[in-house]
Protein backbone atom coordinates (compact mmCIF):
# COMPACT_ATOMS: atom_id res chain seq x y z
CA MET A 1 36.35 81.26 90.41
CA LYS A 2 39.02 80.85 93.21
CA ALA A 3 40.24 77.70 94.10
CA LEU A 4 39.54 76.51 97.68
CA LYS A 5 41.95 77.64 100.23
CA LYS A 6 43.74 74.74 102.12
CA THR A 7 44.11 75.11 105.96
CA SER A 8 47.79 74.85 105.66
CA SER A 9 50.35 72.95 108.18
CA VAL A 10 52.08 75.97 109.76
CA ALA A 11 48.36 77.06 110.34
CA PHE A 12 47.87 73.80 111.99
CA TYR A 13 51.10 73.91 113.98
CA HIS A 14 50.28 76.87 115.46
CA ILE A 15 46.85 76.27 116.90
CA HIS A 16 48.30 72.66 117.94
CA SER A 17 51.56 74.02 119.95
CA GLY A 18 49.28 76.76 121.46
CA PHE A 19 46.63 74.30 122.45
CA GLN A 20 49.11 71.56 123.97
CA ALA A 21 50.78 75.59 126.13
CA PHE A 22 47.46 75.90 127.65
CA LYS A 23 47.00 72.09 128.03
CA LYS A 24 50.49 72.43 130.25
CA ARG A 25 49.90 75.53 131.95
CA LEU A 26 45.96 74.21 132.86
CA ALA A 27 47.76 71.25 134.41
CA GLN A 28 50.19 73.15 136.44
CA GLU A 29 46.99 75.40 138.03
CA LEU A 30 45.07 72.04 138.74
CA ILE A 31 48.07 70.79 140.77
CA VAL A 32 48.90 73.74 142.56
CA SER A 33 45.47 75.59 143.73
CA ARG A 34 43.22 72.04 143.45
CA GLY A 35 46.18 69.44 143.96
CA VAL A 36 44.23 67.29 141.08
CA TYR A 37 45.32 66.13 138.16
CA LEU A 38 44.02 67.29 134.27
CA GLU A 39 43.82 63.74 133.43
CA ASP A 40 41.23 62.87 135.70
CA PHE A 41 38.76 65.60 134.95
CA ALA A 42 38.98 66.16 131.05
CA ASP A 43 40.76 64.75 127.69
CA ASP A 44 41.59 67.11 124.90
CA GLU A 45 38.06 67.12 122.84
CA ASN A 46 36.66 68.46 126.27
CA LEU A 47 39.18 71.15 126.65
CA PHE A 48 39.41 72.62 122.79
CA PRO A 49 36.25 74.53 123.28
CA TYR A 50 37.61 76.32 126.33
CA TYR A 51 41.01 76.76 124.71
CA ARG A 52 39.38 77.78 121.39
CA GLN A 53 36.99 80.56 123.08
CA GLY A 54 39.72 81.99 124.95
CA GLU A 55 38.71 81.31 128.57
CA SER A 56 40.57 82.40 131.47
CA MET A 57 42.33 79.83 133.42
CA SER A 58 40.34 80.37 136.87
CA TYR A 59 37.42 79.77 134.56
CA VAL A 60 37.89 76.52 133.33
CA VAL A 61 39.67 75.16 136.72
CA ALA A 62 36.44 76.03 137.89
CA SER A 63 34.59 74.12 135.52
CA LEU A 64 36.19 70.85 135.78
CA CYS A 65 36.57 70.91 139.19
CA GLY A 66 32.84 71.85 139.54
CA ALA A 67 33.23 74.73 141.89
CA ASN A 68 31.06 77.55 142.53
CA ASP A 69 33.11 80.44 142.38
CA LEU A 70 36.07 81.61 140.08
CA ASP A 71 38.30 82.34 142.27
């Protein structure tokens, strides 16, 4: 019988650090393209699915800001 494989702290670090980079880039994109702050639109819980699905920045920005076009 195989032992259950636990999520390593290294794997968690890579996911977490990648998400932080995604969030930082998104915040910069929102300020430059729309003149708004990320904190006004979403929190980590709402952003994480976009990150996990690998959505493009333009799609995420449009989704958060309610734009009809995806730039």
